[in-house]
Amino acid sequence: MREANAVKLVTSAANPAIKLVRALDDKKHRRETGLYVAEGLRTALTAAEQNVWPETLIFSSELKQHPKLRAYLDRCLARGIDCIEASNQAMEKIARRDNPQGVVGIYRAGWSRLEDFSLTPQSCLIALQMIRDPGNLGTIMRTADAVGAAGIVLIDECCDPFSIEAVRASMGSIFAVKLAKARFADFNAWRQPLGGMLVGTSLRASEDYRKLDYRGPVFLMMGNEQAGLPREYEDACDARVRIPMRGTADSLNVAVATAIVLYEINRATL
């Protein structure tokens, strides 16, 4: 194990690691480097439970005596991870005013291929089409993790799951949920030989989501927050379902709707 003095003390906001964290706010820089930022000690510990480790760890001098952080640092140092103790001045440059954190990790983004998903008759794979809100995407990742979904496929131009807003909303599930990107035609061609059914949610559907006979593996496809699924994507589904509404609202937030249907699929296919 490396000695504890391998931790580097940084007092300047001009330090390359501090500047990198700030640069990773930008999607273009995340795409070019393949890196992203996750905040908080709890998030870092959740990642470690999945055997996911940062390439660089930055922590505030104020937290260096925290027992959980000290134990985590020992594990990071043993893996040769760059660990940086940042002064208050340096930490302020990367702290977010709405939710400042004393621990920041720089992680390598992990994308899967469609072929990497392992599916069984009990599996549910989520396909998200043109999801634009990173908070919604992060919340769906968290729900996917909770129900043990096989993963998420992002169809067309979705928002970045590795943005700080999506990572934060996932509450650590970004480290547990497999993510892939695909065009719809490629996704549909891949999933058809696997059997099961492609289920889409639609305001035009007549079938109650609780009444459908789900045959796994189930591929649940959810559409854009405003427009829903394109008609041609709906037509490709084996079944279309809707969530009944009793009040004046005619739709639900996409993250909420996804959770409702996911738990019904989970109940039906257990």
Protein backbone atom coordinates (compact mmCIF):
# COMPACT_ATOMS: atom_id res chain seq x y z
CA MET A 1 0.00 0.00 0.00
CA ARG A 2 1.18 3.50 -0.82
CA GLU A 3 1.91 5.79 2.08
CA ALA A 4 -0.70 8.33 3.20
CA ASN A 5 1.62 11.17 2.19
CA ALA A 6 0.87 10.26 -1.43
CA VAL A 7 -2.11 12.59 -1.02
CA LYS A 8 -1.31 15.86 -2.80
CA LEU A 9 -2.20 19.20 -1.24
CA VAL A 10 -3.54 21.78 -3.70
CA THR A 11 -4.14 25.39 -2.77
CA SER A 12 -4.48 26.98 -6.20
CA ALA A 13 -7.54 26.97 -8.43
CA ALA A 14 -5.11 26.88 -11.37
CA ASN A 15 -4.23 23.25 -10.56
CA PRO A 16 -4.93 21.01 -13.62
CA ALA A 17 -7.26 18.70 -11.69
CA ILE A 18 -9.34 21.62 -10.41
CA LYS A 19 -9.50 23.09 -13.91
CA LEU A 20 -10.51 19.69 -15.33
CA VAL A 21 -13.46 19.39 -12.95
CA ARG A 22 -14.69 22.79 -14.08
CA ALA A 23 -14.16 21.93 -17.74
CA LEU A 24 -16.22 18.74 -17.39
CA ASP A 25 -19.32 20.88 -16.89
CA ASP A 26 -19.22 21.11 -20.67
CA LYS A 27 -20.70 18.20 -22.66
CA LYS A 28 -18.16 18.63 -25.45
CA HIS A 29 -15.30 18.22 -23.00
CA ARG A 30 -16.92 15.14 -21.43
CA ARG A 31 -17.29 13.61 -24.87
CA GLU A 32 -13.70 14.41 -25.88
CA THR A 33 -12.14 13.09 -22.66
CA GLY A 34 -14.57 10.28 -21.81
CA LEU A 35 -14.62 11.60 -18.24
CA TYR A 36 -17.33 12.92 -15.95
CA VAL A 37 -17.74 14.23 -12.42
CA ALA A 38 -19.62 12.71 -9.48
CA GLU A 39 -20.01 14.62 -6.22
CA GLY A 40 -20.21 13.56 -2.61
CA LEU A 41 -18.68 10.99 -0.28
CA ARG A 42 -21.84 8.90 -0.28
CA THR A 43 -21.73 8.71 -4.08
CA ALA A 44 -18.06 7.72 -4.02
CA LEU A 45 -18.77 4.95 -1.50
CA THR A 46 -21.70 3.73 -3.61
CA ALA A 47 -19.41 3.54 -6.63
CA ALA A 48 -16.84 1.57 -4.65
CA GLU A 49 -19.53 -0.97 -3.77
CA GLN A 50 -19.85 -1.55 -7.52
CA ASN A 51 -16.05 -1.71 -7.83
CA VAL A 52 -16.05 1.57 -9.74
CA TRP A 53 -13.21 3.89 -8.81
CA PRO A 54 -12.36 7.46 -9.81
CA GLU A 55 -9.32 8.35 -11.85
CA THR A 56 -8.86 11.38 -9.59
CA LEU A 57 -10.35 12.09 -6.16
CA ILE A 58 -10.51 15.62 -4.77
CA PHE A 59 -11.59 16.30 -1.21
CA SER A 60 -11.83 19.34 1.02
CA SER A 61 -9.28 19.86 3.78
CA GLU A 62 -12.23 20.28 6.13
CA LEU A 63 -13.19 16.63 5.63
CA LYS A 64 -9.80 14.97 5.86
CA GLN A 65 -10.46 13.64 9.37
CA HIS A 66 -13.81 12.12 8.46
CA PRO A 67 -13.44 8.41 9.32
CA LYS A 68 -15.30 7.12 6.25
CA LEU A 69 -13.29 9.36 3.97
CA ARG A 70 -10.00 8.28 5.56
CA ALA A 71 -10.88 4.60 5.03
CA TYR A 72 -11.93 5.32 1.45
CA LEU A 73 -8.73 7.25 0.77
CA ASP A 74 -6.66 4.28 1.90
CA ARG A 75 -8.45 2.10 -0.63
CA CYS A 76 -8.00 4.68 -3.38
CA LEU A 77 -4.29 5.11 -2.66
CA ALA A 78 -3.79 1.36 -2.68
CA ARG A 79 -5.14 1.40 -6.25
CA GLY A 80 -2.79 4.17 -7.33
CA ILE A 81 -5.58 6.72 -7.69
CA ASP A 82 -4.57 10.38 -7.63
CA CYS A 83 -5.93 11.80 -4.37
CA ILE A 84 -5.93 15.54 -3.91
CA GLU A 85 -6.60 17.48 -0.73
CA ALA A 86 -7.91 20.88 -1.80
CA SER A 87 -7.85 24.04 0.23
CA ASN A 88 -11.09 25.91 0.81
CA GLN A 89 -10.11 28.43 -1.86
CA ALA A 90 -9.47 25.74 -4.45
CA MET A 91 -12.59 23.78 -3.46
CA GLU A 92 -14.78 26.85 -3.84
CA LYS A 93 -13.89 26.95 -7.54
CA ILE A 94 -15.54 23.58 -8.15
CA ALA A 95 -18.25 23.69 -5.48
CA ARG A 96 -21.83 24.14 -6.65
CA ARG A 97 -23.69 26.85 -4.86
CA ASP A 98 -26.97 24.93 -4.82
CA ASN A 99 -25.43 21.77 -3.34
CA PRO A 100 -21.76 22.15 -2.34
CA GLN A 101 -19.90 18.91 -1.74
CA GLY A 102 -16.61 18.23 -0.01
CA VAL A 103 -15.71 15.23 -2.18
CA VAL A 104 -15.50 15.19 -5.98
CA GLY A 105 -14.50 12.23 -8.14
CA ILE A 106 -13.49 12.23 -11.80
CA TYR A 107 -14.67 8.99 -13.40
CA ARG A 108 -14.31 7.25 -16.74
CA ALA A 109 -17.64 7.01 -18.57
CA GLY A 110 -18.68 3.44 -19.32
CA TRP A 111 -20.86 2.69 -22.35
CA SER A 112 -22.17 -0.77 -23.20
CA ARG A 113 -23.10 -2.24 -26.56
CA LEU A 114 -26.49 -3.80 -27.22
CA GLU A 115 -24.75 -7.17 -27.29
CA ASP A 116 -23.53 -6.64 -23.73
CA PHE A 117 -27.00 -6.90 -22.20
CA SER A 118 -27.74 -10.29 -20.63
CA LEU A 119 -31.48 -10.94 -20.86
CA THR A 120 -33.72 -13.63 -19.42
CA PRO A 121 -37.52 -14.09 -19.61
CA GLN A 122 -37.70 -12.07 -16.38
CA SER A 123 -35.63 -9.16 -17.73
CA CYS A 124 -36.81 -5.67 -18.49
CA LEU A 125 -34.72 -3.35 -20.65
CA ILE A 126 -35.66 0.33 -20.88
CA ALA A 127 -35.45 2.26 -24.14
CA LEU A 128 -35.66 6.06 -23.81
CA GLN A 129 -36.34 8.14 -26.89
CA MET A 130 -35.29 11.80 -27.01
CA ILE A 131 -35.28 12.33 -23.24
CA ARG A 132 -34.11 15.91 -22.77
CA ASP A 133 -34.15 16.58 -19.05
CA PRO A 134 -31.09 15.23 -17.20
CA GLY A 135 -33.02 15.15 -13.94
CA ASN A 136 -35.57 12.83 -15.53
CA LEU A 137 -32.84 10.63 -16.96
CA GLY A 138 -31.04 10.39 -13.63
CA THR A 139 -34.27 9.53 -11.83
CA ILE A 140 -35.04 6.81 -14.37
CA MET A 141 -31.55 5.37 -13.84
CA ARG A 142 -32.26 5.24 -10.11
CA THR A 143 -35.59 3.46 -10.69
CA ALA A 144 -34.02 1.06 -13.18
CA ASP A 145 -31.48 0.15 -10.54
CA ALA A 146 -34.19 -0.30 -7.90
CA VAL A 147 -36.19 -2.80 -10.00
CA GLY A 148 -33.12 -4.62 -11.25
CA ALA A 149 -33.64 -3.67 -14.89
CA ALA A 150 -31.14 -5.05 -17.39
CA GLY A 151 -30.16 -1.54 -18.44
CA ILE A 152 -31.12 1.52 -20.47
CA VAL A 153 -30.76 2.17 -24.20
CA LEU A 154 -30.81 5.80 -25.27
CA ILE A 155 -32.58 6.17 -28.61
CA ASP A 156 -31.88 9.12 -30.90
CA GLU A 157 -30.58 12.33 -29.27
CA CYS A 158 -31.08 12.02 -25.52
CA CYS A 159 -29.44 14.25 -22.95
CA ASP A 160 -26.09 13.18 -21.52
CA PRO A 161 -26.40 10.63 -18.68
CA PHE A 162 -22.96 11.73 -17.48
CA SER A 163 -23.91 15.37 -16.95
CA ILE A 164 -23.61 16.46 -13.34
CA GLU A 165 -27.40 16.91 -13.11
CA ALA A 166 -28.14 13.38 -14.33
CA VAL A 167 -25.42 11.83 -12.17
CA ARG A 168 -26.70 13.67 -9.11
CA ALA A 169 -30.33 12.61 -9.77
CA SER A 170 -29.26 8.98 -10.17
CA MET A 171 -28.09 8.94 -6.53
CA GLY A 172 -25.22 6.60 -7.39
CA SER A 173 -27.17 4.33 -9.73
CA ILE A 174 -25.08 5.66 -12.64
CA PHE A 175 -22.48 3.14 -11.45
CA ALA A 176 -24.88 0.16 -11.42
CA VAL A 177 -26.98 0.57 -14.57
CA LYS A 178 -25.69 -0.42 -18.00
CA LEU A 179 -26.12 2.31 -20.62
CA ALA A 180 -26.05 2.03 -24.39
CA LYS A 181 -26.84 4.30 -27.34
CA ALA A 182 -28.51 3.18 -30.56
CA ARG A 183 -30.62 4.26 -33.49
CA PHE A 184 -34.13 2.89 -33.23
CA ALA A 185 -33.78 0.72 -36.33
CA ASP A 186 -30.65 -0.94 -34.92
CA PHE A 187 -32.23 -1.41 -31.49
CA ASN A 188 -35.39 -2.92 -32.95
CA ALA A 189 -33.46 -5.28 -35.25
CA TRP A 190 -31.34 -6.44 -32.31
CA ARG A 191 -34.21 -7.07 -29.91
CA GLN A 192 -36.61 -8.90 -32.26
CA PRO A 193 -34.77 -12.27 -32.34
CA LEU A 194 -34.66 -12.23 -28.54
CA GLY A 195 -38.41 -12.73 -28.26
CA GLY A 196 -40.44 -11.06 -25.57
CA MET A 197 -42.23 -7.85 -26.40
CA LEU A 198 -41.64 -4.18 -27.10
CA VAL A 199 -44.07 -2.11 -25.03
CA GLY A 200 -44.59 1.59 -25.64
CA THR A 201 -46.55 4.08 -23.59
CA SER A 202 -48.91 6.32 -25.50
CA LEU A 203 -51.82 8.67 -24.88
CA ARG A 204 -53.38 7.10 -27.95
CA ALA A 205 -53.30 3.60 -26.44
CA SER A 206 -56.47 2.04 -25.10
CA GLU A 207 -54.91 -0.75 -23.01
CA ASP A 208 -54.47 -0.17 -19.28
CA TYR A 209 -50.83 -0.85 -18.34
CA ARG A 210 -52.07 -3.12 -15.50
CA LYS A 211 -54.06 -5.36 -17.85
CA LEU A 212 -51.35 -6.29 -20.34
CA ASP A 213 -49.99 -9.85 -20.34
CA TYR A 214 -46.30 -9.02 -20.19
CA ARG A 215 -44.09 -11.67 -21.83
CA GLY A 216 -40.44 -11.27 -21.06
CA PRO A 217 -37.97 -10.12 -21.82
CA VAL A 218 -39.88 -6.85 -21.85
CA PHE A 219 -38.49 -3.85 -23.71
CA LEU A 220 -40.19 -0.77 -22.28
CA MET A 221 -39.95 2.26 -24.56
CA MET A 222 -40.69 5.74 -23.23
CA GLY A 223 -40.86 8.85 -25.38
CA ASN A 224 -39.84 12.49 -25.21
CA GLU A 225 -41.20 14.61 -22.37
CA GLN A 226 -43.29 16.82 -24.64
CA ALA A 227 -43.91 14.85 -27.83
CA GLY A 228 -44.02 11.24 -26.61
CA LEU A 229 -43.05 8.47 -29.01
CA PRO A 230 -43.08 9.13 -32.76
CA ARG A 231 -45.94 7.37 -34.53
CA GLU A 232 -43.61 5.06 -36.45
CA TYR A 233 -42.01 3.91 -33.18
CA GLU A 234 -45.42 3.25 -31.67
CA ASP A 235 -46.36 1.21 -34.73
CA ALA A 236 -43.28 -0.97 -34.22
CA CYS A 237 -44.36 -1.88 -30.68
CA ASP A 238 -45.91 -5.24 -29.88
CA ALA A 239 -48.18 -3.48 -27.39
CA ARG A 240 -49.07 0.08 -26.42
CA VAL A 241 -50.31 0.96 -22.95
CA ARG A 242 -51.54 3.99 -21.08
CA ILE A 243 -51.75 4.99 -17.44
CA PRO A 244 -55.37 5.90 -16.55
CA MET A 245 -55.97 9.47 -15.38
CA ARG A 246 -58.87 10.41 -13.11
CA GLY A 247 -58.13 14.10 -12.70
CA THR A 248 -57.69 16.91 -15.19
CA ALA A 249 -54.05 16.09 -15.97
CA ASP A 250 -53.68 14.12 -19.19
CA SER A 251 -50.08 12.99 -18.68
CA LEU A 252 -47.37 12.35 -16.09
CA ASN A 253 -43.73 13.31 -15.82
CA VAL A 254 -41.78 10.75 -17.86
CA ALA A 255 -39.70 9.62 -14.87
CA VAL A 256 -42.84 9.06 -12.80
CA ALA A 257 -44.60 7.24 -15.65
CA THR A 258 -41.57 5.03 -16.23
CA ALA A 259 -41.46 4.06 -12.55
CA ILE A 260 -45.16 3.17 -12.47
CA VAL A 261 -44.96 0.90 -15.50
CA LEU A 262 -41.62 -0.61 -14.48
CA TYR A 263 -42.98 -1.76 -11.15
CA GLU A 264 -45.98 -3.36 -12.84
CA ILE A 265 -43.68 -5.18 -15.27
CA ASN A 266 -41.51 -6.24 -12.35
CA ARG A 267 -44.55 -7.61 -10.50
CA ALA A 268 -45.91 -9.39 -13.57
CA THR A 269 -42.67 -11.07 -14.61
CA LEU A 270 -41.35 -12.22 -11.22
